[in-house]
Amino acid sequence: MSMQPMGPGKIPAETVRVARAAFPKGSLAITVRDELGPLFGDEEFADLFPTRGRPAWSPGRLALVLVLQFVEGLTDRQAAEAVRARIDFKYALGLDLEDPGFDYSVLSEFRDRLVQADAGRRVLDGILVAARDKGLLKTVGRARTDSTHVLCAARELSWLEMVTETLRAALNALAQAAPEWLGGIAEPDWFRHYSVPASEFGYPKSRAKREETALRVGRDGTRLLQAVWSVEAPEELRTLQQVETLRHIWVQCFQQVEGEVMNRAPKDRPRGAMRLVTPYDTEARGSIKQDLHWNGYKVHFTETCEPDAPNLITNIVTTMATVPDDRMTTVIHAALAGRSMLPAEHWVDTGYANAGAMADARAHGVALHGPLKSVTNAQARAGTYGQDAFTVDWDSKRVTCPNGITNTGWREDRSQQGLPVVRAQFSARDCRPCPVVRDCVPNLSAKGRAITLRPQQAHRELQQARALQQTDEWKERYKVRAGIEGTISQGVHSCDLRRSRYRGLAKTSLQHQLTGAAINLARINAHIIQTPRARTRVSHFAALLPIK
């Protein structure tokens, strides 16, 4: 398909007449078109299409259809039918009443083009630009950020289900690519064990028999991999994604000991970002947050929070589930800076706030506010001889303990996160005679107490920030951050935010960009028609609490 960009044009007069008659009080699609005009132009997506070929349906209009689809929670078939049958959709798109629209498969094909070009943000930005032109977007004030978990589209598998499904997926891919070759090397038992999806209902319950089943799967997968890499196998089979996934998961789940395939112990299997959790989405990862365990991704929403303007989402980042929040502040600020949307104040929760994030925010001219993580070493938990009890003389590189002993070592180093730190070391010879050594150094060894500090400027900023966060004024101002929870709730209830519709990080990221665009469109419409914001719900019992 090719594309010849066309201007947005005017809404046909007959479409206007019928729409006004059918919707005398307006609708979201009609109101947004009247107030913001055409949100997307064909030229914004010109690079997604070749210059020759059969003309494609207007990509600018398709982008708006995708957003309206997410606003109303429509399937592709329902969205295509709405373009053919609904007057308000035709009005928003500027179509004639007799326009037949397009086949529903066009939406899937257009999403694929957006994914391949990483162009999902263009849809979100198109709405933000239109809102800014109308004075509805205020980015120089305050913004807030939070994240939530996202379940991958593939079903959750137990370990035994995962290895079995991995082998089954590889067999199916090989059967499609080289049926004669696979038929010649397949064992008779393979058809009985791997012809249907794996299920816990079909596995034995005893631990010993489950181990035997896992070993059988491991041996069968190893035999298949050896056959694929043999000289008799077609070379192109080794490039199949399912075969590479099989090899990857077999490395992490099995090992060979003296020529025998053995299960790896759970402690020997890779953790975090290296561990695959399903063969059907190789970018999904397993993660844990407090009592929550999930396989999939994580999404970070940043929105404005001004009282006299709609709260619009200005940035969305989708990551693997294992990426910690404190690494995202730099990414978010860089993205906002590139689009001239940096706020003066950025309110976050404890997961985002640390010394490195504050330094990055300061470099962008942003004041980052968020509760700093408390020091969790044994001394701090006991309330005795924490870092605050030590006096630091930065000029002489000297740290003095509460009992007057000074450090014997001082060196600049890097933390596990790569941040610069200063490590001050006390001598065990000085610490051992101390009467409170058990409170200060519970596990005294060849070395005495060690203190890890941030560089001087960062150390002072952390102390000032901790002191500021204890004030009632700061706690009152911090309440503004709670509003982002409502945004996540809106995304969950209106767009099923916490479950990916697609497989893969890129497609899931596009889903979140469209979710953010849909929420923005709904909020702009609510602001224009002056729908009051919902008040925080209070239970009947909580309402009985006397106001002090």
Protein backbone atom coordinates (compact mmCIF):
# COMPACT_ATOMS: atom_id res chain seq x y z
CA MET A 1 0.00 0.00 0.00
CA SER A 2 1.09 3.58 -0.66
CA MET A 3 -0.04 6.86 0.79
CA GLN A 4 -0.62 10.23 -0.82
CA PRO A 5 -1.06 12.69 2.08
CA MET A 6 -4.24 14.75 1.91
CA GLY A 7 -5.33 17.70 3.97
CA PRO A 8 -7.93 17.17 6.70
CA GLY A 9 -10.62 18.94 4.71
CA LYS A 10 -13.99 20.12 5.96
CA ILE A 11 -16.74 17.96 7.36
CA PRO A 12 -19.37 17.37 4.65
CA ALA A 13 -22.44 19.57 5.15
CA GLU A 14 -24.85 16.62 5.15
CA THR A 15 -22.78 14.84 7.83
CA VAL A 16 -22.88 18.01 9.96
CA ARG A 17 -26.65 18.36 9.56
CA VAL A 18 -27.43 14.76 10.48
CA ALA A 19 -24.94 14.73 13.39
CA ARG A 20 -26.41 17.90 14.88
CA ALA A 21 -29.89 16.44 14.63
CA ALA A 22 -28.89 13.06 16.06
CA PHE A 23 -26.74 14.50 18.87
CA PRO A 24 -28.25 17.85 19.88
CA LYS A 25 -26.19 17.77 23.09
CA GLY A 26 -23.08 16.53 21.34
CA SER A 27 -20.92 13.47 22.04
CA LEU A 28 -17.28 12.88 22.84
CA ALA A 29 -16.29 12.39 19.20
CA ILE A 30 -18.26 15.44 18.05
CA THR A 31 -17.08 17.69 20.89
CA VAL A 32 -13.43 16.80 20.39
CA ARG A 33 -13.63 17.48 16.65
CA ASP A 34 -15.35 20.84 17.23
CA GLU A 35 -12.90 22.00 19.89
CA LEU A 36 -9.59 20.49 18.77
CA GLY A 37 -10.14 20.10 15.04
CA PRO A 38 -8.46 17.26 13.11
CA LEU A 39 -6.02 15.68 15.57
CA PHE A 40 -3.79 13.84 13.11
CA GLY A 41 -2.57 14.56 9.60
CA ASP A 42 -1.60 11.99 7.00
CA GLU A 43 1.85 13.54 6.65
CA GLU A 44 2.67 12.59 10.26
CA PHE A 45 2.63 8.92 9.22
CA ALA A 46 4.03 9.26 5.70
CA ASP A 47 7.20 7.34 6.58
CA LEU A 48 5.15 4.25 7.47
CA PHE A 49 4.04 3.69 3.86
CA PRO A 50 5.87 3.23 0.53
CA THR A 51 5.49 5.84 -2.19
CA ARG A 52 4.09 3.38 -4.75
CA GLY A 53 1.26 0.90 -4.64
CA ARG A 54 -2.47 0.81 -4.01
CA PRO A 55 -3.59 3.89 -2.02
CA ALA A 56 -4.11 3.20 1.68
CA TRP A 57 -6.94 4.47 3.83
CA SER A 58 -6.05 7.77 5.51
CA PRO A 59 -3.55 7.00 8.32
CA GLY A 60 -4.48 10.23 10.10
CA ARG A 61 -8.06 9.03 10.32
CA LEU A 62 -6.94 5.52 11.30
CA ALA A 63 -4.98 6.99 14.21
CA LEU A 64 -8.12 8.73 15.46
CA VAL A 65 -10.11 5.51 15.04
CA LEU A 66 -7.57 3.68 17.21
CA VAL A 67 -7.95 6.27 19.96
CA LEU A 68 -11.76 6.23 19.81
CA GLN A 69 -11.59 2.45 19.85
CA PHE A 70 -9.72 2.54 23.16
CA VAL A 71 -12.03 5.24 24.56
CA GLU A 72 -15.04 2.96 24.10
CA GLY A 73 -13.32 -0.42 24.51
CA LEU A 74 -14.24 -1.66 21.01
CA THR A 75 -12.83 -4.64 19.15
CA ASP A 76 -11.40 -4.14 15.65
CA ARG A 77 -14.64 -5.39 14.10
CA GLN A 78 -16.74 -3.09 16.27
CA ALA A 79 -14.51 -0.08 15.53
CA ALA A 80 -14.70 -0.67 11.78
CA GLU A 81 -18.48 -1.08 12.06
CA ALA A 82 -18.69 2.19 14.04
CA VAL A 83 -16.89 4.03 11.22
CA ARG A 84 -19.47 2.67 8.74
CA ALA A 85 -22.59 3.10 10.85
CA ARG A 86 -22.17 5.80 13.52
CA ILE A 87 -22.83 9.44 12.71
CA ASP A 88 -20.56 10.80 15.46
CA PHE A 89 -17.61 8.75 14.17
CA LYS A 90 -18.19 10.00 10.62
CA TYR A 91 -18.36 13.55 11.97
CA ALA A 92 -15.08 13.22 13.88
CA LEU A 93 -13.38 11.67 10.86
CA GLY A 94 -14.86 14.12 8.35
CA LEU A 95 -16.50 11.40 6.21
CA ASP A 96 -19.52 11.46 3.93
CA LEU A 97 -22.57 9.61 5.19
CA GLU A 98 -22.26 7.03 2.43
CA ASP A 99 -18.55 6.37 3.03
CA PRO A 100 -18.18 2.55 3.41
CA GLY A 101 -15.19 2.77 5.75
CA PHE A 102 -12.67 -0.06 5.69
CA ASP A 103 -12.25 -3.73 6.51
CA TYR A 104 -11.49 -4.38 10.18
CA SER A 105 -8.13 -6.00 9.29
CA VAL A 106 -6.83 -2.55 8.28
CA LEU A 107 -6.59 -1.59 11.96
CA SER A 108 -4.33 -4.53 12.77
CA GLU A 109 -2.15 -3.78 9.75
CA PHE A 110 -1.86 -0.11 10.75
CA ARG A 111 -0.92 -1.04 14.33
CA ASP A 112 1.83 -3.27 12.93
CA ARG A 113 3.19 -0.30 10.98
CA LEU A 114 3.17 1.82 14.13
CA VAL A 115 4.99 -0.91 16.06
CA GLN A 116 7.68 -1.39 13.41
CA ALA A 117 8.43 2.35 13.36
CA ASP A 118 8.05 2.78 17.14
CA ALA A 119 5.50 5.46 16.29
CA GLY A 120 2.99 4.94 19.08
CA ARG A 121 4.07 8.12 20.84
CA ARG A 122 3.03 10.13 17.79
CA VAL A 123 -0.59 9.32 18.57
CA LEU A 124 -0.26 10.49 22.18
CA ASP A 125 1.68 13.59 21.11
CA GLY A 126 -0.90 14.50 18.47
CA ILE A 127 -3.53 14.95 21.16
CA LEU A 128 -1.12 16.81 23.46
CA VAL A 129 -0.16 19.26 20.71
CA ALA A 130 -3.81 19.99 19.95
CA ALA A 131 -4.53 20.44 23.67
CA ARG A 132 -1.58 22.81 24.05
CA ASP A 133 -2.75 24.91 21.09
CA LYS A 134 -6.12 25.30 22.82
CA GLY A 135 -4.54 26.21 26.17
CA LEU A 136 -5.62 22.95 27.82
CA LEU A 137 -2.13 21.59 28.51
CA LYS A 138 -0.02 23.19 31.24
CA THR A 139 3.34 21.47 31.66
CA VAL A 140 5.38 24.13 33.49
CA GLY A 141 3.75 23.50 36.87
CA ARG A 142 3.48 20.13 38.57
CA ALA A 143 3.57 16.56 37.30
CA ARG A 144 3.29 13.20 39.01
CA THR A 145 4.39 9.69 38.08
CA ASP A 146 3.58 6.17 39.14
CA SER A 147 3.83 2.67 37.71
CA THR A 148 1.71 -0.45 37.72
CA HIS A 149 2.12 -4.07 36.71
CA VAL A 150 0.93 -5.48 33.39
CA LEU A 151 0.20 -9.16 32.84
CA CYS A 152 1.42 -10.60 29.55
CA ALA A 153 -1.09 -11.99 27.06
CA ALA A 154 0.23 -15.55 27.38
CA ARG A 155 -1.25 -17.63 30.18
CA GLU A 156 0.81 -18.15 33.32
CA LEU A 157 2.66 -21.46 33.32
CA SER A 158 4.17 -23.58 36.04
CA TRP A 159 7.80 -24.60 35.54
CA LEU A 160 6.85 -28.03 34.21
CA GLU A 161 4.20 -26.55 31.91
CA MET A 162 6.70 -24.00 30.61
CA VAL A 163 9.36 -26.50 29.53
CA THR A 164 6.74 -28.79 27.98
CA GLU A 165 5.09 -25.91 26.09
CA THR A 166 8.50 -24.71 24.91
CA LEU A 167 9.24 -28.10 23.40
CA ARG A 168 5.74 -28.32 21.91
CA ALA A 169 6.05 -24.88 20.30
CA ALA A 170 9.40 -25.83 18.75
CA LEU A 171 7.95 -29.09 17.39
CA ASN A 172 5.01 -27.23 15.83
CA ALA A 173 7.33 -24.69 14.20
CA LEU A 174 9.57 -27.45 12.82
CA ALA A 175 6.56 -29.41 11.59
CA GLN A 176 5.52 -26.37 9.57
CA ALA A 177 8.99 -25.57 8.26
CA ALA A 178 10.29 -29.10 7.55
CA PRO A 179 7.56 -31.73 8.00
CA GLU A 180 9.41 -34.57 6.23
CA TRP A 181 12.61 -34.03 8.20
CA LEU A 182 10.78 -33.87 11.54
CA GLY A 183 8.71 -36.94 10.73
CA GLY A 184 11.90 -38.88 10.16
CA ILE A 185 13.54 -38.01 13.50
CA ALA A 186 10.51 -37.73 15.83
CA GLU A 187 10.17 -40.39 18.53
CA PRO A 188 6.80 -42.22 18.70
CA ASP A 189 6.23 -41.01 22.26
CA TRP A 190 6.54 -37.38 21.19
CA PHE A 191 3.15 -37.48 19.47
CA ARG A 192 1.53 -38.71 22.67
CA HIS A 193 3.25 -36.21 24.99
CA TYR A 194 3.43 -33.02 22.89
CA SER A 195 0.44 -33.03 20.53
CA VAL A 196 -1.87 -31.16 22.93
CA PRO A 197 -1.25 -28.16 25.24
CA ALA A 198 0.41 -28.91 28.56
CA SER A 199 -1.74 -28.73 31.68
CA GLU A 200 -1.16 -29.29 35.35
CA PHE A 201 -4.19 -31.59 35.36
CA GLY A 202 -2.23 -34.12 33.31
CA TYR A 203 0.86 -34.20 35.50
CA PRO A 204 1.46 -36.50 38.49
CA LYS A 205 1.14 -34.98 41.94
CA SER A 206 4.07 -36.63 43.69
CA ARG A 207 7.37 -34.79 43.61
CA ALA A 208 9.36 -37.83 42.50
CA LYS A 209 7.16 -38.52 39.49
CA ARG A 210 7.13 -34.85 38.52
CA GLU A 211 10.94 -34.98 38.55
CA GLU A 212 10.81 -37.99 36.24
CA THR A 213 8.44 -36.16 33.90
CA ALA A 214 10.74 -33.12 33.83
CA LEU A 215 13.74 -35.33 33.04
CA ARG A 216 11.84 -36.97 30.20
CA VAL A 217 10.96 -33.55 28.75
CA GLY A 218 14.57 -32.42 29.19
CA ARG A 219 15.93 -35.47 27.38
CA ASP A 220 13.44 -35.10 24.52
CA GLY A 221 14.26 -31.42 24.08
CA THR A 222 18.00 -32.11 24.16
CA ARG A 223 17.59 -34.84 21.54
CA LEU A 224 15.63 -32.43 19.32
CA LEU A 225 18.26 -29.70 19.65
CA GLN A 226 21.02 -32.16 18.75
CA ALA A 227 19.06 -33.21 15.69
CA VAL A 228 18.50 -29.60 14.58
CA TRP A 229 22.23 -28.86 14.85
CA SER A 230 23.27 -32.06 13.07
CA VAL A 231 24.72 -31.88 9.57
CA GLU A 232 21.66 -33.69 8.14
CA ALA A 233 19.25 -30.94 9.28
CA PRO A 234 18.43 -27.98 7.02
CA GLU A 235 20.40 -24.94 8.20
CA GLU A 236 17.38 -22.64 8.14
CA LEU A 237 15.80 -24.59 11.00
CA ARG A 238 18.37 -23.18 13.42
CA THR A 239 17.12 -19.65 12.77
CA LEU A 240 13.52 -20.36 13.82
CA GLN A 241 12.52 -18.25 16.80
CA GLN A 242 10.87 -21.20 18.56
CA VAL A 243 14.06 -23.26 18.22
CA GLU A 244 16.15 -20.44 19.67
CA THR A 245 13.66 -20.12 22.54
CA LEU A 246 13.95 -23.86 23.15
CA ARG A 247 17.73 -23.59 23.30
CA HIS A 248 17.55 -20.59 25.66
CA ILE A 249 15.10 -22.21 28.08
CA TRP A 250 16.97 -25.52 28.04
CA VAL A 251 20.15 -23.73 29.07
CA GLN A 252 18.38 -22.10 32.01
CA CYS A 253 16.43 -25.21 33.10
CA PHE A 254 18.64 -28.22 32.36
CA GLN A 255 22.28 -29.26 32.47
CA GLN A 256 24.31 -32.25 31.38
CA VAL A 257 26.26 -34.15 34.03
CA GLU A 258 28.53 -36.86 32.63
CA GLY A 259 26.39 -37.04 29.50
CA GLU A 260 23.09 -37.30 31.39
CA VAL A 261 20.43 -34.58 31.23
CA MET A 262 19.63 -33.29 34.71
CA ASN A 263 17.22 -30.68 36.06
CA ARG A 264 18.85 -27.52 37.31
CA ALA A 265 18.10 -26.70 40.93
CA PRO A 266 15.95 -23.58 41.35
CA LYS A 267 18.94 -21.70 42.80
CA ASP A 268 21.00 -22.52 39.70
CA ARG A 269 18.45 -21.05 37.29
CA PRO A 270 18.86 -17.44 36.12
CA ARG A 271 16.95 -14.70 37.89
CA GLY A 272 15.43 -11.41 36.91
CA ALA A 273 15.80 -10.08 33.39
CA MET A 274 17.58 -13.19 32.09
CA ARG A 275 14.85 -15.68 32.99
CA LEU A 276 12.19 -16.46 30.39
CA VAL A 277 8.76 -17.25 31.82
CA THR A 278 6.86 -18.37 28.72
CA PRO A 279 7.86 -19.49 25.20
CA TYR A 280 5.01 -17.44 23.72
CA ASP A 281 6.27 -14.04 24.85
CA THR A 282 10.05 -14.03 25.18
CA GLU A 283 10.15 -10.40 26.37
CA ALA A 284 7.84 -10.96 29.34
CA ARG A 285 9.56 -11.35 32.71
CA GLY A 286 8.54 -12.42 36.17
CA SER A 287 8.68 -9.87 38.98
CA ILE A 288 7.68 -9.42 42.60
CA LYS A 289 6.42 -6.34 44.43
CA GLN A 290 5.57 -6.97 48.06
CA ASP A 291 2.95 -9.74 47.93
CA LEU A 292 2.28 -9.37 44.20
CA HIS A 293 3.84 -11.86 41.75
CA TRP A 294 3.29 -11.41 38.01
CA ASN A 295 4.69 -12.29 34.58
CA GLY A 296 4.71 -9.50 32.04
CA TYR A 297 5.68 -5.85 32.00
CA LYS A 298 5.50 -2.57 33.89
CA VAL A 299 4.12 0.76 32.68
CA HIS A 300 4.97 4.26 34.00
CA PHE A 301 2.44 7.09 33.63
CA THR A 302 3.33 10.78 34.02
CA GLU A 303 0.59 13.41 34.05
CA THR A 304 0.07 17.08 34.75
CA CYS A 305 -1.81 18.03 37.93
CA GLU A 306 -3.00 21.63 37.78
CA PRO A 307 -6.36 22.60 39.35
CA ASP A 308 -7.48 24.86 36.48
CA ALA A 309 -6.76 22.49 33.58
CA PRO A 310 -7.44 18.84 32.73
CA ASN A 311 -4.87 16.38 34.08
CA LEU A 312 -3.32 15.09 30.86
CA ILE A 313 -0.88 12.21 30.51
CA THR A 314 2.32 13.59 29.02
CA ASN A 315 4.57 10.54 29.02
CA ILE A 316 4.20 6.75 29.05
CA VAL A 317 7.05 4.27 29.28
CA THR A 318 6.61 0.49 29.12
CA THR A 319 9.44 -1.69 30.40
CA MET A 320 10.14 -5.27 31.35
CA ALA A 321 8.72 -6.15 34.74
CA THR A 322 12.20 -6.44 36.28
CA VAL A 323 13.26 -2.83 35.65
CA PRO A 324 13.17 -0.97 39.02
CA ASP A 325 11.35 2.35 39.28
CA ASP A 326 14.42 4.26 40.44
CA ARG A 327 16.05 3.79 37.02
CA MET A 328 13.16 5.41 35.19
CA THR A 329 13.36 8.98 36.45
CA THR A 330 16.21 9.78 34.07
CA VAL A 331 14.33 8.19 31.15
CA ILE A 332 11.14 10.10 31.92
CA HIS A 333 12.88 13.47 32.25
CA ALA A 334 14.81 12.94 29.01
CA ALA A 335 11.58 12.12 27.16
CA LEU A 336 9.78 15.15 28.59
CA ALA A 337 12.73 17.44 27.85
CA GLY A 338 12.79 16.30 24.22
CA ARG A 339 9.17 17.41 23.82
CA SER A 340 9.40 20.61 25.92
CA MET A 341 7.09 19.24 28.61
CA LEU A 342 9.31 19.29 31.70
CA PRO A 343 7.47 20.35 34.87
CA ALA A 344 8.84 22.61 37.56
CA GLU A 345 7.92 20.06 40.26
CA HIS A 346 7.78 16.31 39.83
CA TRP A 347 5.98 14.30 42.53
CA VAL A 348 6.75 10.58 42.81
CA ASP A 349 6.59 7.78 45.34
CA THR A 350 9.43 6.14 47.25
CA GLY A 351 10.34 3.83 44.38
CA TYR A 352 11.51 6.72 42.20
CA ALA A 353 13.19 8.98 44.75
CA ASN A 354 16.91 8.66 45.49
CA ALA A 355 20.07 10.74 45.31
CA GLY A 356 20.76 9.90 41.67
CA ALA A 357 17.23 10.73 40.60
CA MET A 358 17.37 14.06 42.42
CA ALA A 359 20.66 14.93 40.74
CA ASP A 360 19.22 14.07 37.33
CA ALA A 361 16.11 16.12 37.99
CA ARG A 362 18.20 19.08 39.10
CA ALA A 363 20.18 18.89 35.84
CA HIS A 364 16.90 19.27 33.95
CA GLY A 365 15.76 22.13 36.18
CA VAL A 366 13.12 19.98 37.87
CA ALA A 367 12.49 19.72 41.61
CA LEU A 368 11.91 16.04 42.36
CA HIS A 369 9.75 15.36 45.41
CA GLY A 370 9.23 11.91 46.89
CA PRO A 371 9.69 10.12 50.21
CA LEU A 372 13.29 8.93 50.39
CA LYS A 373 13.93 5.33 51.31
CA SER A 374 14.92 4.89 54.90
CA VAL A 375 18.31 3.46 55.83
CA THR A 376 17.73 -0.24 56.47
CA ASN A 377 20.96 -1.46 58.02
CA ALA A 378 20.87 -3.16 61.42
CA GLN A 379 21.97 -0.06 63.33
CA ALA A 380 19.28 2.12 61.73
CA ARG A 381 16.58 -0.46 62.44
CA ALA A 382 17.66 -0.65 66.07
CA GLY A 383 17.73 3.13 66.35
CA THR A 384 21.34 3.15 67.54
CA TYR A 385 24.47 4.33 65.80
CA GLY A 386 22.99 4.90 62.36
CA GLN A 387 24.79 7.11 59.85
CA ASP A 388 23.14 10.22 61.26
CA ALA A 389 25.02 9.64 64.53
CA PHE A 390 28.39 10.10 62.78
CA THR A 391 29.98 13.49 62.09
CA VAL A 392 31.51 14.04 58.65
CA ASP A 393 34.31 16.54 57.96
CA TRP A 394 34.45 16.63 54.16
CA ASP A 395 37.50 18.91 53.93
CA SER A 396 39.71 16.61 55.98
CA LYS A 397 37.94 13.42 54.82
CA ARG A 398 37.28 12.47 58.41
CA VAL A 399 34.29 10.68 59.92
CA THR A 400 33.91 10.71 63.71
CA CYS A 401 31.76 8.20 65.58
CA PRO A 402 29.66 9.21 68.62
CA ASN A 403 32.46 7.98 70.91
CA GLY A 404 35.11 10.15 69.30
CA ILE A 405 36.86 7.50 67.16
CA THR A 406 37.81 8.59 63.63
CA ASN A 407 38.03 6.56 60.43
CA THR A 408 41.26 5.09 59.13
CA GLY A 409 40.22 4.77 55.48
CA TRP A 410 38.46 6.98 52.93
CA ARG A 411 37.95 6.07 49.28
CA GLU A 412 35.68 7.03 46.42
CA ASP A 413 33.79 4.15 44.88
CA ARG A 414 30.67 3.17 42.93
CA SER A 415 27.51 1.57 44.31
CA GLN A 416 25.85 -1.50 42.83
CA GLN A 417 23.67 0.87 40.79
CA GLY A 418 26.75 2.67 39.43
CA LEU A 419 26.30 5.82 41.51
CA PRO A 420 29.33 7.56 43.05
CA VAL A 421 29.76 6.93 46.78
CA VAL A 422 32.34 7.50 49.50
CA ARG A 423 33.30 4.62 51.77
CA ALA A 424 34.76 5.45 55.18
CA GLN A 425 36.34 2.55 57.08
CA PHE A 426 37.06 2.29 60.81
CA SER A 427 39.75 0.04 62.19
CA ALA A 428 38.74 -3.13 64.05
CA ARG A 429 41.53 -2.34 66.50
CA ASP A 430 39.69 0.87 67.45
CA CYS A 431 36.21 -0.67 67.41
CA ARG A 432 36.91 -3.85 69.41
CA PRO A 433 37.60 -2.15 72.80
CA CYS A 434 34.54 0.10 72.46
CA PRO A 435 31.91 -0.68 75.14
CA VAL A 436 29.03 -0.35 72.61
CA VAL A 437 30.67 -2.29 69.80
CA ARG A 438 27.85 -4.85 69.71
CA ASP A 439 25.33 -2.09 69.02
CA CYS A 440 27.49 -0.41 66.40
CA VAL A 441 29.21 -3.40 64.70
CA PRO A 442 27.14 -6.54 65.37
CA ASN A 443 29.40 -8.76 63.22
CA LEU A 444 32.86 -7.51 64.01
CA SER A 445 35.51 -9.16 61.82
CA ALA A 446 38.95 -8.17 60.62
CA LYS A 447 37.54 -4.74 59.80
CA GLY A 448 35.59 -2.33 61.96
CA ARG A 449 32.54 -0.23 61.17
CA ALA A 450 32.12 0.92 57.56
CA ILE A 451 30.09 3.98 56.52
CA THR A 452 28.88 4.53 52.94
CA LEU A 453 28.07 8.13 52.01
CA ARG A 454 26.99 9.98 48.92
CA PRO A 455 29.33 12.71 47.62
CA GLN A 456 29.26 15.91 49.62
CA GLN A 457 26.66 17.81 47.59
CA ALA A 458 24.34 14.82 47.27
CA HIS A 459 24.79 13.99 50.97
CA ARG A 460 23.73 17.47 52.03
CA GLU A 461 20.76 17.44 49.65
CA LEU A 462 19.62 14.11 51.06
CA GLN A 463 19.84 15.42 54.60
CA GLN A 464 17.91 18.57 53.66
CA ALA A 465 15.30 16.53 51.79
CA ARG A 466 14.82 14.14 54.72
CA ALA A 467 14.39 17.07 57.09
CA LEU A 468 11.93 18.80 54.72
CA GLN A 469 9.84 15.64 54.35
CA GLN A 470 9.19 15.60 58.09
CA THR A 471 7.36 18.94 57.97
CA ASP A 472 3.57 19.17 57.88
CA GLU A 473 3.75 21.60 54.96
CA TRP A 474 5.59 19.10 52.74
CA LYS A 475 3.27 16.27 53.73
CA GLU A 476 0.28 18.42 52.78
CA ARG A 477 1.81 19.27 49.40
CA TYR A 478 2.68 15.62 48.79
CA LYS A 479 -1.00 14.71 48.76
CA VAL A 480 -1.10 15.84 45.13
CA ARG A 481 0.75 12.68 44.11
CA ALA A 482 -2.18 10.48 45.14
CA GLY A 483 -4.13 11.60 42.06
CA ILE A 484 -2.03 9.39 39.78
CA GLU A 485 -3.65 6.39 41.44
CA GLY A 486 -6.94 7.56 39.97
CA THR A 487 -5.38 7.69 36.52
CA ILE A 488 -4.19 4.11 36.82
CA SER A 489 -7.64 3.11 38.07
CA GLN A 490 -9.23 4.82 35.08
CA GLY A 491 -6.89 2.99 32.73
CA VAL A 492 -7.65 -0.34 34.39
CA HIS A 493 -11.43 0.05 34.28
CA SER A 494 -11.78 1.69 30.85
CA CYS A 495 -8.90 0.12 28.88
CA ASP A 496 -7.91 -3.02 30.83
CA LEU A 497 -4.52 -1.45 31.50
CA ARG A 498 -3.12 -4.26 33.63
CA ARG A 499 -3.41 -6.93 30.94
CA SER A 500 -1.58 -6.81 27.63
CA ARG A 501 -3.73 -7.39 24.56
CA TYR A 502 -0.71 -8.36 22.50
CA ARG A 503 2.53 -10.31 22.82
CA GLY A 504 5.86 -8.54 22.97
CA LEU A 505 7.16 -5.34 24.53
CA ALA A 506 6.73 -3.19 21.40
CA LYS A 507 3.06 -4.08 20.92
CA THR A 508 2.32 -3.73 24.62
CA SER A 509 3.97 -0.30 24.56
CA LEU A 510 1.72 0.74 21.66
CA GLN A 511 -1.30 -0.42 23.66
CA HIS A 512 -0.26 1.84 26.53
CA GLN A 513 0.32 4.85 24.25
CA LEU A 514 -3.20 4.39 22.85
CA THR A 515 -4.55 3.95 26.39
CA GLY A 516 -2.97 7.26 27.43
CA ALA A 517 -4.32 8.98 24.32
CA ALA A 518 -7.81 7.65 25.04
CA ILE A 519 -7.71 8.83 28.66
CA ASN A 520 -6.54 12.27 27.52
CA LEU A 521 -9.35 12.50 24.99
CA ALA A 522 -11.93 11.55 27.61
CA ARG A 523 -10.53 14.11 30.07
CA ILE A 524 -10.45 16.88 27.49
CA ASN A 525 -14.09 16.17 26.64
CA ALA A 526 -15.03 16.18 30.35
CA HIS A 527 -13.24 19.52 30.82
CA ILE A 528 -14.95 21.11 27.81
CA ILE A 529 -18.45 20.07 28.82
CA GLN A 530 -17.60 21.04 32.42
CA THR A 531 -18.08 17.66 34.02
CA PRO A 532 -16.93 18.05 37.65
CA ARG A 533 -14.14 15.82 38.85
CA ALA A 534 -15.18 12.95 41.05
CA ARG A 535 -14.57 13.42 44.74
CA THR A 536 -12.56 10.97 46.78
CA ARG A 537 -14.86 8.26 48.05
CA VAL A 538 -15.36 8.05 51.80
CA SER A 539 -17.10 5.10 53.41
CA HIS A 540 -20.10 5.72 55.66
CA PHE A 541 -18.11 4.62 58.69
CA ALA A 542 -15.09 6.79 57.87
CA ALA A 543 -17.39 9.78 57.49
CA LEU A 544 -18.25 9.51 61.18
CA LEU A 545 -14.68 10.45 62.14
CA PRO A 546 -14.81 13.88 63.84
CA ILE A 547 -12.97 16.64 62.01
CA LYS A 548 -10.23 18.12 64.17
